[in-house]
PDB file of all heavy atoms in Angstrom:
ATOM      1  N   ARG A   1       0.878  -1.161  -0.017  1.00  0.00           N
ATOM      2  CA  ARG A   1       0.058  -0.010  -0.019  1.00  0.00           C
ATOM      3  C   ARG A   1       0.873   1.231  -0.015  1.00  0.00           C
ATOM      4  O   ARG A   1       1.835   1.331   0.759  1.00  0.00           O
ATOM      5  CB  ARG A   1      -0.918   0.009   1.227  1.00  0.00           C
ATOM      6  CG  ARG A   1      -1.938  -1.062   1.209  1.00  0.00           C
ATOM      7  CD  ARG A   1      -2.756  -1.138   2.498  1.00  0.00           C
ATOM      8  NE  ARG A   1      -3.828  -2.079   2.449  1.00  0.00           N
ATOM      9  CZ  ARG A   1      -3.728  -3.379   2.650  1.00  0.00           C
ATOM     10  NH1 ARG A   1      -2.542  -3.892   2.964  1.00  0.00           N
ATOM     11  NH2 ARG A   1      -4.775  -4.174   2.600  1.00  0.00           N
ATOM     12  N   VAL A   2       0.510   2.233  -0.813  1.00  0.00           N
ATOM     13  CA  VAL A   2       1.262   3.473  -0.964  1.00  0.00           C
ATOM     14  C   VAL A   2       0.363   4.616  -0.628  1.00  0.00           C
ATOM     15  O   VAL A   2      -0.762   4.761  -1.187  1.00  0.00           O
ATOM     16  CB  VAL A   2       1.869   3.603  -2.363  1.00  0.00           C
ATOM     17  CG1 VAL A   2       2.445   4.974  -2.585  1.00  0.00           C
ATOM     18  CG2 VAL A   2       2.923   2.496  -2.589  1.00  0.00           C
ATOM     19  N   LEU A   3       0.824   5.540   0.206  1.00  0.00           N
ATOM     20  CA  LEU A   3       0.034   6.687   0.646  1.00  0.00           C
ATOM     21  C   LEU A   3       0.342   7.881  -0.272  1.00  0.00           C
ATOM     22  O   LEU A   3       1.525   8.109  -0.572  1.00  0.00           O
ATOM     23  CB  LEU A   3       0.383   7.066   2.070  1.00  0.00           C
ATOM     24  CG  LEU A   3      -0.333   8.317   2.664  1.00  0.00           C
ATOM     25  CD1 LEU A   3      -1.745   7.964   3.011  1.00  0.00           C
ATOM     26  CD2 LEU A   3       0.420   8.793   3.918  1.00  0.00           C
ATOM     27  N   GLY A   4      -0.695   8.610  -0.680  1.00  0.00           N
ATOM     28  CA  GLY A   4      -0.570   9.855  -1.356  1.00  0.00           C
ATOM     29  C   GLY A   4      -1.418  10.934  -0.695  1.00  0.00           C
ATOM     30  O   GLY A   4      -2.378  10.628   0.038  1.00  0.00           O
ATOM     31  N   ILE A   5      -1.124  12.211  -1.007  1.00  0.00           N
ATOM     32  CA  ILE A   5      -1.853  13.293  -0.400  1.00  0.00           C
ATOM     33  C   ILE A   5      -2.487  14.113  -1.484  1.00  0.00           C
ATOM     34  O   ILE A   5      -1.802  14.614  -2.392  1.00  0.00           O
ATOM     35  CB  ILE A   5      -0.934  14.140   0.453  1.00  0.00           C
ATOM     36  CG1 ILE A   5      -0.059  13.321   1.393  1.00  0.00           C
ATOM     37  CG2 ILE A   5      -1.741  15.190   1.304  1.00  0.00           C
ATOM     38  CD1 ILE A   5       0.955  14.098   2.223  1.00  0.00           C
ATOM     39  N   MET A   6      -3.824  14.313  -1.408  1.00  0.00           N
ATOM     40  CA  MET A   6      -4.502  15.074  -2.446  1.00  0.00           C
ATOM     41  C   MET A   6      -5.824  15.668  -1.958  1.00  0.00           C
ATOM     42  O   MET A   6      -6.374  15.240  -0.971  1.00  0.00           O
ATOM     43  CB  MET A   6      -4.759  14.160  -3.657  1.00  0.00           C
ATOM     44  CG  MET A   6      -5.618  12.970  -3.447  1.00  0.00           C
ATOM     45  SD  MET A   6      -5.980  12.075  -5.019  1.00  0.00           S
ATOM     46  CE  MET A   6      -4.317  11.648  -5.540  1.00  0.00           C
ATOM     47  N   HIS A   7      -6.218  16.669  -2.698  1.00  0.00           N
ATOM     48  CA  HIS A   7      -7.569  17.227  -2.596  1.00  0.00           C
ATOM     49  C   HIS A   7      -8.051  17.568  -3.972  1.00  0.00           C
ATOM     50  O   HIS A   7      -7.333  18.208  -4.782  1.00  0.00           O
ATOM     51  CB  HIS A   7      -7.619  18.469  -1.716  1.00  0.00           C
ATOM     52  CG  HIS A   7      -9.001  19.124  -1.734  1.00  0.00           C
ATOM     53  ND1 HIS A   7     -10.080  18.625  -1.008  1.00  0.00           N
ATOM     54  CD2 HIS A   7      -9.478  20.184  -2.422  1.00  0.00           C
ATOM     55  CE1 HIS A   7     -11.140  19.368  -1.215  1.00  0.00           C
ATOM     56  NE2 HIS A   7     -10.838  20.294  -2.083  1.00  0.00           N
ATOM     57  N   LEU A   8      -9.284  17.098  -4.343  1.00  0.00           N
ATOM     58  CA  LEU A   8      -9.802  17.297  -5.682  1.00  0.00           C
ATOM     59  C   LEU A   8     -11.015  18.233  -5.701  1.00  0.00           C
ATOM     60  O   LEU A   8     -11.795  18.258  -4.760  1.00  0.00           O
ATOM     61  CB  LEU A   8     -10.211  15.949  -6.305  1.00  0.00           C
ATOM     62  CG  LEU A   8      -9.134  14.835  -6.329  1.00  0.00           C
ATOM     63  CD1 LEU A   8      -9.671  13.623  -7.010  1.00  0.00           C
ATOM     64  CD2 LEU A   8      -7.842  15.332  -6.951  1.00  0.00           C
ATOM     65  N   ALA A   9     -11.154  18.930  -6.782  1.00  0.00           N
ATOM     66  CA  ALA A   9     -12.331  19.774  -7.065  1.00  0.00           C
ATOM     67  C   ALA A   9     -12.582  19.733  -8.571  1.00  0.00           C
ATOM     68  O   ALA A   9     -11.867  19.088  -9.318  1.00  0.00           O
ATOM     69  CB  ALA A   9     -12.088  21.201  -6.538  1.00  0.00           C
ATOM     70  N   ASP A  10     -13.628  20.457  -8.996  1.00  0.00           N
ATOM     71  CA  ASP A  10     -13.965  20.432 -10.412  1.00  0.00           C
ATOM     72  C   ASP A  10     -12.945  21.189 -11.241  1.00  0.00           C
ATOM     73  O   ASP A  10     -12.800  20.896 -12.443  1.00  0.00           O
ATOM     74  CB  ASP A  10     -15.349  21.064 -10.628  1.00  0.00           C
ATOM     75  CG  ASP A  10     -16.428  20.201  -9.907  1.00  0.00           C
ATOM     76  OD1 ASP A  10     -16.571  19.045 -10.233  1.00  0.00           O
ATOM     77  OD2 ASP A  10     -17.157  20.768  -9.053  1.00  0.00           O
ATOM     78  N   THR A  11     -12.255  22.160 -10.645  1.00  0.00           N
ATOM     79  CA  THR A  11     -11.174  22.881 -11.348  1.00  0.00           C
ATOM     80  C   THR A  11     -10.009  23.042 -10.404  1.00  0.00           C
ATOM     81  O   THR A  11     -10.130  22.904  -9.165  1.00  0.00           O
ATOM     82  CB  THR A  11     -11.645  24.303 -11.779  1.00  0.00           C
ATOM     83  OG1 THR A  11     -11.877  25.096 -10.591  1.00  0.00           O
ATOM     84  CG2 THR A  11     -12.936  24.227 -12.618  1.00  0.00           C
ATOM     85  N   ARG A  12      -8.815  23.301 -10.989  1.00  0.00           N
ATOM     86  CA  ARG A  12      -7.650  23.513 -10.149  1.00  0.00           C
ATOM     87  C   ARG A  12      -7.809  24.731  -9.257  1.00  0.00           C
ATOM     88  O   ARG A  12      -7.405  24.722  -8.088  1.00  0.00           O
ATOM     89  CB  ARG A  12      -6.391  23.667 -10.994  1.00  0.00           C
ATOM     90  CG  ARG A  12      -5.989  22.356 -11.656  1.00  0.00           C
ATOM     91  CD  ARG A  12      -4.712  22.550 -12.507  1.00  0.00           C
ATOM     92  NE  ARG A  12      -4.386  21.339 -13.214  1.00  0.00           N
ATOM     93  CZ  ARG A  12      -3.368  21.235 -14.111  1.00  0.00           C
ATOM     94  NH1 ARG A  12      -2.649  22.322 -14.390  1.00  0.00           N
ATOM     95  NH2 ARG A  12      -3.082  20.081 -14.682  1.00  0.00           N
ATOM     96  N   ASP A  13      -8.327  25.807  -9.798  1.00  0.00           N
ATOM     97  CA  ASP A  13      -8.552  27.019  -9.029  1.00  0.00           C
ATOM     98  C   ASP A  13      -9.466  26.759  -7.835  1.00  0.00           C
ATOM     99  O   ASP A  13      -9.211  27.233  -6.724  1.00  0.00           O
ATOM    100  CB  ASP A  13      -9.144  28.103  -9.904  1.00  0.00           C
ATOM    101  CG  ASP A  13      -8.117  28.770 -10.800  1.00  0.00           C
ATOM    102  OD1 ASP A  13      -6.950  28.590 -10.526  1.00  0.00           O
ATOM    103  OD2 ASP A  13      -8.552  29.456 -11.762  1.00  0.00           O
ATOM    104  N   GLN A  14     -10.538  25.968  -8.051  1.00  0.00           N
ATOM    105  CA  GLN A  14     -11.409  25.673  -6.945  1.00  0.00           C
ATOM    106  C   GLN A  14     -10.736  24.787  -5.899  1.00  0.00           C
ATOM    107  O   GLN A  14     -10.898  24.972  -4.693  1.00  0.00           O
ATOM    108  CB  GLN A  14     -12.643  24.954  -7.450  1.00  0.00           C
ATOM    109  CG  GLN A  14     -13.704  24.706  -6.366  1.00  0.00           C
ATOM    110  CD  GLN A  14     -14.223  25.931  -5.729  1.00  0.00           C
ATOM    111  OE1 GLN A  14     -14.746  26.838  -6.397  1.00  0.00           O
ATOM    112  NE2 GLN A  14     -14.081  26.099  -4.398  1.00  0.00           N
ATOM    113  N   ALA A  15      -9.893  23.865  -6.334  1.00  0.00           N
ATOM    114  CA  ALA A  15      -9.173  23.006  -5.364  1.00  0.00           C
ATOM    115  C   ALA A  15      -8.252  23.853  -4.527  1.00  0.00           C
ATOM    116  O   ALA A  15      -8.124  23.637  -3.285  1.00  0.00           O
ATOM    117  CB  ALA A  15      -8.369  21.967  -6.141  1.00  0.00           C
ATOM    118  N   ILE A  16      -7.549  24.874  -5.107  1.00  0.00           N
ATOM    119  CA  ILE A  16      -6.677  25.733  -4.321  1.00  0.00           C
ATOM    120  C   ILE A  16      -7.479  26.559  -3.370  1.00  0.00           C
ATOM    121  O   ILE A  16      -7.136  26.698  -2.182  1.00  0.00           O
ATOM    122  CB  ILE A  16      -5.832  26.615  -5.292  1.00  0.00           C
ATOM    123  CG1 ILE A  16      -4.828  25.765  -6.061  1.00  0.00           C
ATOM    124  CG2 ILE A  16      -5.163  27.752  -4.548  1.00  0.00           C
ATOM    125  CD1 ILE A  16      -4.086  26.511  -7.141  1.00  0.00           C
ATOM    126  N   ASP A  17      -8.616  27.145  -3.843  1.00  0.00           N
ATOM    127  CA  ASP A  17      -9.481  27.891  -2.960  1.00  0.00           C
ATOM    128  C   ASP A  17      -9.956  27.025  -1.750  1.00  0.00           C
ATOM    129  O   ASP A  17     -10.005  27.496  -0.616  1.00  0.00           O
ATOM    130  CB  ASP A  17     -10.689  28.418  -3.706  1.00  0.00           C
ATOM    131  CG  ASP A  17     -10.311  29.587  -4.647  1.00  0.00           C
ATOM    132  OD1 ASP A  17      -9.282  30.214  -4.423  1.00  0.00           O
ATOM    133  OD2 ASP A  17     -11.067  29.858  -5.587  1.00  0.00           O
ATOM    134  N   ASP A  18     -10.359  25.811  -2.048  1.00  0.00           N
ATOM    135  CA  ASP A  18     -10.839  24.888  -0.995  1.00  0.00           C
ATOM    136  C   ASP A  18      -9.811  24.733   0.130  1.00  0.00           C
ATOM    137  O   ASP A  18     -10.129  24.733   1.301  1.00  0.00           O
ATOM    138  CB  ASP A  18     -11.156  23.481  -1.560  1.00  0.00           C
ATOM    139  CG  ASP A  18     -12.407  23.426  -2.422  1.00  0.00           C
ATOM    140  OD1 ASP A  18     -13.159  24.425  -2.417  1.00  0.00           O
ATOM    141  OD2 ASP A  18     -12.590  22.431  -3.115  1.00  0.00           O
ATOM    142  N   CYS A  19      -8.549  24.605  -0.291  1.00  0.00           N
ATOM    143  CA  CYS A  19      -7.487  24.291   0.682  1.00  0.00           C
ATOM    144  C   CYS A  19      -7.002  25.480   1.505  1.00  0.00           C
ATOM    145  O   CYS A  19      -6.195  25.284   2.448  1.00  0.00           O
ATOM    146  CB  CYS A  19      -6.317  23.633  -0.027  1.00  0.00           C
ATOM    147  SG  CYS A  19      -6.692  22.013  -0.666  1.00  0.00           S
ATOM    148  N   THR A  20      -7.502  26.649   1.204  1.00  0.00           N
ATOM    149  CA  THR A  20      -7.183  27.788   2.082  1.00  0.00           C
ATOM    150  C   THR A  20      -7.879  27.616   3.459  1.00  0.00           C
ATOM    151  O   THR A  20      -7.506  28.321   4.396  1.00  0.00           O
ATOM    152  CB  THR A  20      -7.654  29.116   1.464  1.00  0.00           C
ATOM    153  OG1 THR A  20      -9.068  29.118   1.225  1.00  0.00           O
ATOM    154  CG2 THR A  20      -6.945  29.357   0.136  1.00  0.00           C
ATOM    155  N   TYR A  21      -8.817  26.702   3.529  1.00  0.00           N
ATOM    156  CA  TYR A  21      -9.571  26.408   4.750  1.00  0.00           C
ATOM    157  C   TYR A  21      -8.631  25.888   5.879  1.00  0.00           C
ATOM    158  O   TYR A  21      -8.731  26.271   7.017  1.00  0.00           O
ATOM    159  CB  TYR A  21     -10.697  25.425   4.474  1.00  0.00           C
ATOM    160  CG  TYR A  21     -11.433  24.955   5.712  1.00  0.00           C
ATOM    161  CD1 TYR A  21     -12.512  25.642   6.208  1.00  0.00           C
ATOM    162  CD2 TYR A  21     -11.122  23.733   6.328  1.00  0.00           C
ATOM    163  CE1 TYR A  21     -13.203  25.210   7.317  1.00  0.00           C
ATOM    164  CE2 TYR A  21     -11.792  23.264   7.407  1.00  0.00           C
ATOM    165  CZ  TYR A  21     -12.851  23.983   7.924  1.00  0.00           C
ATOM    166  OH  TYR A  21     -13.573  23.555   8.993  1.00  0.00           O
ATOM    167  N   GLY A  22      -7.722  24.979   5.488  1.00  0.00           N
ATOM    168  CA  GLY A  22      -7.000  24.272   6.595  1.00  0.00           C
ATOM    169  C   GLY A  22      -5.598  23.820   6.257  1.00  0.00           C
ATOM    170  O   GLY A  22      -4.935  23.290   7.154  1.00  0.00           O
ATOM    171  N   LEU A  23      -5.101  24.027   5.023  1.00  0.00           N
ATOM    172  CA  LEU A  23      -3.743  23.486   4.679  1.00  0.00           C
ATOM    173  C   LEU A  23      -2.683  24.161   5.522  1.00  0.00           C
ATOM    174  O   LEU A  23      -1.727  23.559   5.953  1.00  0.00           O
ATOM    175  CB  LEU A  23      -3.509  23.687   3.207  1.00  0.00           C
ATOM    176  CG  LEU A  23      -2.125  23.277   2.707  1.00  0.00           C
ATOM    177  CD1 LEU A  23      -1.745  21.848   3.118  1.00  0.00           C
ATOM    178  CD2 LEU A  23      -2.037  23.392   1.178  1.00  0.00           C
ATOM    179  N   GLN A  24      -2.782  25.500   5.694  1.00  0.00           N
ATOM    180  CA  GLN A  24      -1.731  26.200   6.411  1.00  0.00           C
ATOM    181  C   GLN A  24      -1.630  25.704   7.840  1.00  0.00           C
ATOM    182  O   GLN A  24      -0.562  25.540   8.349  1.00  0.00           O
ATOM    183  CB  GLN A  24      -1.946  27.704   6.367  1.00  0.00           C
ATOM    184  CG  GLN A  24      -0.760  28.474   6.941  1.00  0.00           C
ATOM    185  CD  GLN A  24      -0.779  29.951   6.455  1.00  0.00           C
ATOM    186  OE1 GLN A  24      -1.448  30.320   5.500  1.00  0.00           O
ATOM    187  NE2 GLN A  24       0.047  30.742   7.122  1.00  0.00           N
ATOM    188  N   ASP A  25      -2.747  25.417   8.478  1.00  0.00           N
ATOM    189  CA  ASP A  25      -2.737  24.870   9.824  1.00  0.00           C
ATOM    190  C   ASP A  25      -2.083  23.507   9.860  1.00  0.00           C
ATOM    191  O   ASP A  25      -1.350  23.226  10.762  1.00  0.00           O
ATOM    192  CB  ASP A  25      -4.193  24.804  10.386  1.00  0.00           C
ATOM    193  CG  ASP A  25      -4.215  24.567  11.865  1.00  0.00           C
ATOM    194  OD1 ASP A  25      -4.090  23.392  12.269  1.00  0.00           O
ATOM    195  OD2 ASP A  25      -4.361  25.553  12.622  1.00  0.00           O
ATOM    196  N   PHE A  26      -2.378  22.678   8.876  1.00  0.00           N
ATOM    197  CA  PHE A  26      -1.749  21.342   8.736  1.00  0.00           C
ATOM    198  C   PHE A  26      -0.258  21.475   8.650  1.00  0.00           C
ATOM    199  O   PHE A  26       0.483  20.792   9.334  1.00  0.00           O
ATOM    200  CB  PHE A  26      -2.316  20.714   7.478  1.00  0.00           C
ATOM    201  CG  PHE A  26      -1.717  19.365   7.113  1.00  0.00           C
ATOM    202  CD1 PHE A  26      -2.229  18.188   7.633  1.00  0.00           C
ATOM    203  CD2 PHE A  26      -0.711  19.307   6.228  1.00  0.00           C
ATOM    204  CE1 PHE A  26      -1.720  16.951   7.237  1.00  0.00           C
ATOM    205  CE2 PHE A  26      -0.146  18.081   5.830  1.00  0.00           C
ATOM    206  CZ  PHE A  26      -0.661  16.866   6.346  1.00  0.00           C
ATOM    207  N   ALA A  27       0.223  22.425   7.796  1.00  0.00           N
ATOM    208  CA  ALA A  27       1.669  22.615   7.637  1.00  0.00           C
ATOM    209  C   ALA A  27       2.285  23.140   8.907  1.00  0.00           C
ATOM    210  O   ALA A  27       3.405  22.796   9.277  1.00  0.00           O
ATOM    211  CB  ALA A  27       1.956  23.594   6.467  1.00  0.00           C
ATOM    212  N   ASP A  28       1.559  24.044   9.626  1.00  0.00           N
ATOM    213  CA  ASP A  28       2.071  24.566  10.882  1.00  0.00           C
ATOM    214  C   ASP A  28       2.274  23.456  11.909  1.00  0.00           C
ATOM    215  O   ASP A  28       3.219  23.472  12.694  1.00  0.00           O
ATOM    216  CB  ASP A  28       1.118  25.638  11.414  1.00  0.00           C
ATOM    217  CG  ASP A  28       1.179  26.934  10.618  1.00  0.00           C
ATOM    218  OD1 ASP A  28       2.090  27.116   9.804  1.00  0.00           O
ATOM    219  OD2 ASP A  28       0.179  27.729  10.735  1.00  0.00           O
ATOM    220  N   TYR A  29       1.276  22.543  11.945  1.00  0.00           N
ATOM    221  CA  TYR A  29       1.373  21.411  12.926  1.00  0.00           C
ATOM    222  C   TYR A  29       2.659  20.600  12.739  1.00  0.00           C
ATOM    223  O   TYR A  29       3.417  20.333  13.636  1.00  0.00           O
ATOM    224  CB  TYR A  29       0.157  20.511  12.767  1.00  0.00           C
ATOM    225  CG  TYR A  29       0.232  19.210  13.540  1.00  0.00           C
ATOM    226  CD1 TYR A  29       0.271  19.211  14.957  1.00  0.00           C
ATOM    227  CD2 TYR A  29       0.353  18.019  12.868  1.00  0.00           C
ATOM    228  CE1 TYR A  29       0.372  17.980  15.621  1.00  0.00           C
ATOM    229  CE2 TYR A  29       0.420  16.808  13.531  1.00  0.00           C
ATOM    230  CZ  TYR A  29       0.442  16.762  14.924  1.00  0.00           C
ATOM    231  OH  TYR A  29       0.529  15.599  15.612  1.00  0.00           O
ATOM    232  N   PHE A  30       2.949  20.272  11.457  1.00  0.00           N
ATOM    233  CA  PHE A  30       4.108  19.481  11.192  1.00  0.00           C
ATOM    234  C   PHE A  30       5.383  20.312  11.333  1.00  0.00           C
ATOM    235  O   PHE A  30       6.452  19.811  11.719  1.00  0.00           O
ATOM    236  CB  PHE A  30       4.039  18.837   9.771  1.00  0.00           C
ATOM    237  CG  PHE A  30       3.110  17.658   9.747  1.00  0.00           C
ATOM    238  CD1 PHE A  30       1.879  17.772   9.190  1.00  0.00           C
ATOM    239  CD2 PHE A  30       3.504  16.450  10.248  1.00  0.00           C
ATOM    240  CE1 PHE A  30       1.020  16.698   9.146  1.00  0.00           C
ATOM    241  CE2 PHE A  30       2.669  15.373  10.235  1.00  0.00           C
ATOM    242  CZ  PHE A  30       1.447  15.465   9.661  1.00  0.00           C
ATOM    243  N   GLY A  31       5.296  21.571  10.986  1.00  0.00           N
ATOM    244  CA  GLY A  31       6.459  22.472  11.176  1.00  0.00           C
ATOM    245  C   GLY A  31       6.804  22.595  12.632  1.00  0.00           C
ATOM    246  O   GLY A  31       7.972  22.662  13.018  1.00  0.00           O
ATOM    247  N   ALA A  32       5.820  22.653  13.509  1.00  0.00           N
ATOM    248  CA  ALA A  32       6.075  22.825  14.942  1.00  0.00           C
ATOM    249  C   ALA A  32       6.459  21.510  15.589  1.00  0.00           C
ATOM    250  O   ALA A  32       7.362  21.464  16.417  1.00  0.00           O
ATOM    251  CB  ALA A  32       4.844  23.406  15.626  1.00  0.00           C
ATOM    252  N   ALA A  33       5.756  20.421  15.244  1.00  0.00           N
ATOM    253  CA  ALA A  33       5.961  19.175  15.905  1.00  0.00           C
ATOM    254  C   ALA A  33       7.124  18.381  15.259  1.00  0.00           C
ATOM    255  O   ALA A  33       7.912  17.736  15.969  1.00  0.00           O
ATOM    256  CB  ALA A  33       4.685  18.344  15.891  1.00  0.00           C
ATOM    257  N   GLY A  34       7.153  18.427  13.923  1.00  0.00           N
ATOM    258  CA  GLY A  34       8.241  17.702  13.230  1.00  0.00           C
ATOM    259  C   GLY A  34       8.267  16.256  13.449  1.00  0.00           C
ATOM    260  O   GLY A  34       9.316  15.614  13.453  1.00  0.00           O
ATOM    261  N   PHE A  35       7.053  15.631  13.612  1.00  0.00           N
ATOM    262  CA  PHE A  35       7.047  14.221  13.954  1.00  0.00           C
ATOM    263  C   PHE A  35       7.265  13.293  12.768  1.00  0.00           C
ATOM    264  O   PHE A  35       8.102  12.383  12.790  1.00  0.00           O
ATOM    265  CB  PHE A  35       5.699  13.904  14.616  1.00  0.00           C
ATOM    266  CG  PHE A  35       5.516  14.600  15.930  1.00  0.00           C
ATOM    267  CD1 PHE A  35       4.249  15.168  16.224  1.00  0.00           C
ATOM    268  CD2 PHE A  35       6.526  14.697  16.833  1.00  0.00           C
ATOM    269  CE1 PHE A  35       4.071  15.821  17.467  1.00  0.00           C
ATOM    270  CE2 PHE A  35       6.326  15.342  18.054  1.00  0.00           C
ATOM    271  CZ  PHE A  35       5.087  15.900  18.340  1.00  0.00           C
ATOM    272  N   VAL A  36       6.493  13.470  11.723  1.00  0.00           N
ATOM    273  CA  VAL A  36       6.555  12.617  10.561  1.00  0.00           C
ATOM    274  C   VAL A  36       6.563  13.441   9.287  1.00  0.00           C
ATOM    275  O   VAL A  36       5.948  14.527   9.226  1.00  0.00           O
ATOM    276  CB  VAL A  36       5.357  11.596  10.507  1.00  0.00           C
ATOM    277  CG1 VAL A  36       5.521  10.559  11.610  1.00  0.00           C
ATOM    278  CG2 VAL A  36       4.047  12.306  10.639  1.00  0.00           C
ATOM    279  N   PRO A  37       7.238  12.957   8.217  1.00  0.00           N
ATOM    280  CA  PRO A  37       7.432  13.792   7.036  1.00  0.00           C
ATOM    281  C   PRO A  37       6.282  13.713   6.073  1.00  0.00           C
ATOM    282  O   PRO A  37       6.374  13.115   5.011  1.00  0.00           O
ATOM    283  CB  PRO A  37       8.707  13.190   6.420  1.00  0.00           C
ATOM    284  CG  PRO A  37       8.669  11.749   6.847  1.00  0.00           C
ATOM    285  CD  PRO A  37       8.050  11.731   8.184  1.00  0.00           C
ATOM    286  N   LEU A  38       5.136  14.336   6.394  1.00  0.00           N
ATOM    287  CA  LEU A  38       4.009  14.285   5.544  1.00  0.00           C
ATOM    288  C   LEU A  38       3.642  15.697   5.020  1.00  0.00           C
ATOM    289  O   LEU A  38       2.569  15.908   4.446  1.00  0.00           O
ATOM    290  CB  LEU A  38       2.808  13.730   6.261  1.00  0.00           C
ATOM    291  CG  LEU A  38       2.879  12.208   6.548  1.00  0.00           C
ATOM    292  CD1 LEU A  38       1.672  11.789   7.390  1.00  0.00           C
ATOM    293  CD2 LEU A  38       2.956  11.405   5.282  1.00  0.00           C
ATOM    294  N   SER A  39       4.482  16.658   5.263  1.00  0.00           N
ATOM    295  CA  SER A  39       4.143  18.030   4.926  1.00  0.00           C
ATOM    296  C   SER A  39       5.310  18.725   4.213  1.00  0.00           C
ATOM    297  O   SER A  39       6.474  18.543   4.545  1.00  0.00           O
ATOM    298  CB  SER A  39       3.793  18.846   6.171  1.00  0.00           C
ATOM    299  OG  SER A  39       3.621  20.200   5.876  1.00  0.00           O
ATOM    300  N   ASN A  40       4.961  19.540   3.156  1.00  0.00           N
ATOM    301  CA  ASN A  40       5.956  20.377   2.536  1.00  0.00           C
ATOM    302  C   ASN A  40       6.291  21.571   3.450  1.00  0.00           C
ATOM    303  O   ASN A  40       5.574  21.876   4.362  1.00  0.00           O
ATOM    304  CB  ASN A  40       5.441  20.903   1.170  1.00  0.00           C
ATOM    305  CG  ASN A  40       5.286  19.785   0.146  1.00  0.00           C
ATOM    306  OD1 ASN A  40       5.935  18.771   0.235  1.00  0.00           O
ATOM    307  ND2 ASN A  40       4.425  20.030  -0.805  1.00  0.00           N
ATOM    308  N   SER A  41       7.411  22.239   3.157  1.00  0.00           N
ATOM    309  CA  SER A  41       7.800  23.422   3.863  1.00  0.00           C
ATOM    310  C   SER A  41       7.658  24.624   2.983  1.00  0.00           C
ATOM    311  O   SER A  41       8.256  24.666   1.887  1.00  0.00           O
ATOM    312  CB  SER A  41       9.228  23.275   4.358  1.00  0.00           C
ATOM    313  OG  SER A  41       9.653  24.439   5.028  1.00  0.00           O
ATOM    314  N   VAL A  42       6.851  25.611   3.394  1.00  0.00           N
ATOM    315  CA  VAL A  42       6.624  26.830   2.609  1.00  0.00           C
ATOM    316  C   VAL A  42       6.855  28.029   3.456  1.00  0.00           C
ATOM    317  O   VAL A  42       6.376  28.099   4.606  1.00  0.00           O
ATOM    318  CB  VAL A  42       5.194  26.834   2.055  1.00  0.00           C
ATOM    319  CG1 VAL A  42       4.948  28.101   1.261  1.00  0.00           C
ATOM    320  CG2 VAL A  42       4.975  25.633   1.103  1.00  0.00           C
ATOM    321  N   ASP A  43       7.586  29.004   2.965  1.00  0.00           N
ATOM    322  CA  ASP A  43       7.824  30.266   3.669  1.00  0.00           C
ATOM    323  C   ASP A  43       6.496  31.061   3.658  1.00  0.00           C
ATOM    324  O   ASP A  43       5.948  31.372   2.608  1.00  0.00           O
ATOM    325  CB  ASP A  43       8.906  31.074   2.991  1.00  0.00           C
ATOM    326  CG  ASP A  43       9.207  32.389   3.686  1.00  0.00           C
ATOM    327  OD1 ASP A  43       8.671  32.598   4.781  1.00  0.00           O
ATOM    328  OD2 ASP A  43       9.960  33.197   3.135  1.00  0.00           O
ATOM    329  N   GLU A  44       5.962  31.362   4.841  1.00  0.00           N
ATOM    330  CA  GLU A  44       4.649  31.965   4.975  1.00  0.00           C
ATOM    331  C   GLU A  44       4.724  33.482   4.883  1.00  0.00           C
ATOM    332  O   GLU A  44       3.706  34.165   4.826  1.00  0.00           O
ATOM    333  CB  GLU A  44       4.016  31.570   6.293  1.00  0.00           C
ATOM    334  CG  GLU A  44       3.792  30.090   6.446  1.00  0.00           C
ATOM    335  CD  GLU A  44       3.176  29.719   7.794  1.00  0.00           C
ATOM    336  OE1 GLU A  44       2.493  30.621   8.359  1.00  0.00           O
ATOM    337  OE2 GLU A  44       3.355  28.648   8.282  1.00  0.00           O
ATOM    338  N   ALA A  45       5.903  34.035   4.861  1.00  0.00           N
ATOM    339  CA  ALA A  45       6.074  35.494   4.956  1.00  0.00           C
ATOM    340  C   ALA A  45       5.367  36.204   3.794  1.00  0.00           C
ATOM    341  O   ALA A  45       5.621  35.854   2.605  1.00  0.00           O
ATOM    342  CB  ALA A  45       7.539  35.885   4.993  1.00  0.00           C
TER     343      ALA A  45
END
């Protein structure tokens, strides 16, 4: 079994808009905890 990470919508623009809901919080959790490598690193500035 292989794990992948995705979110789908009818268009790419809509998919990006959808993920403004919680992706940054997800990345912050892994950035702060650093437990498992499931998140990309993005400069939030």
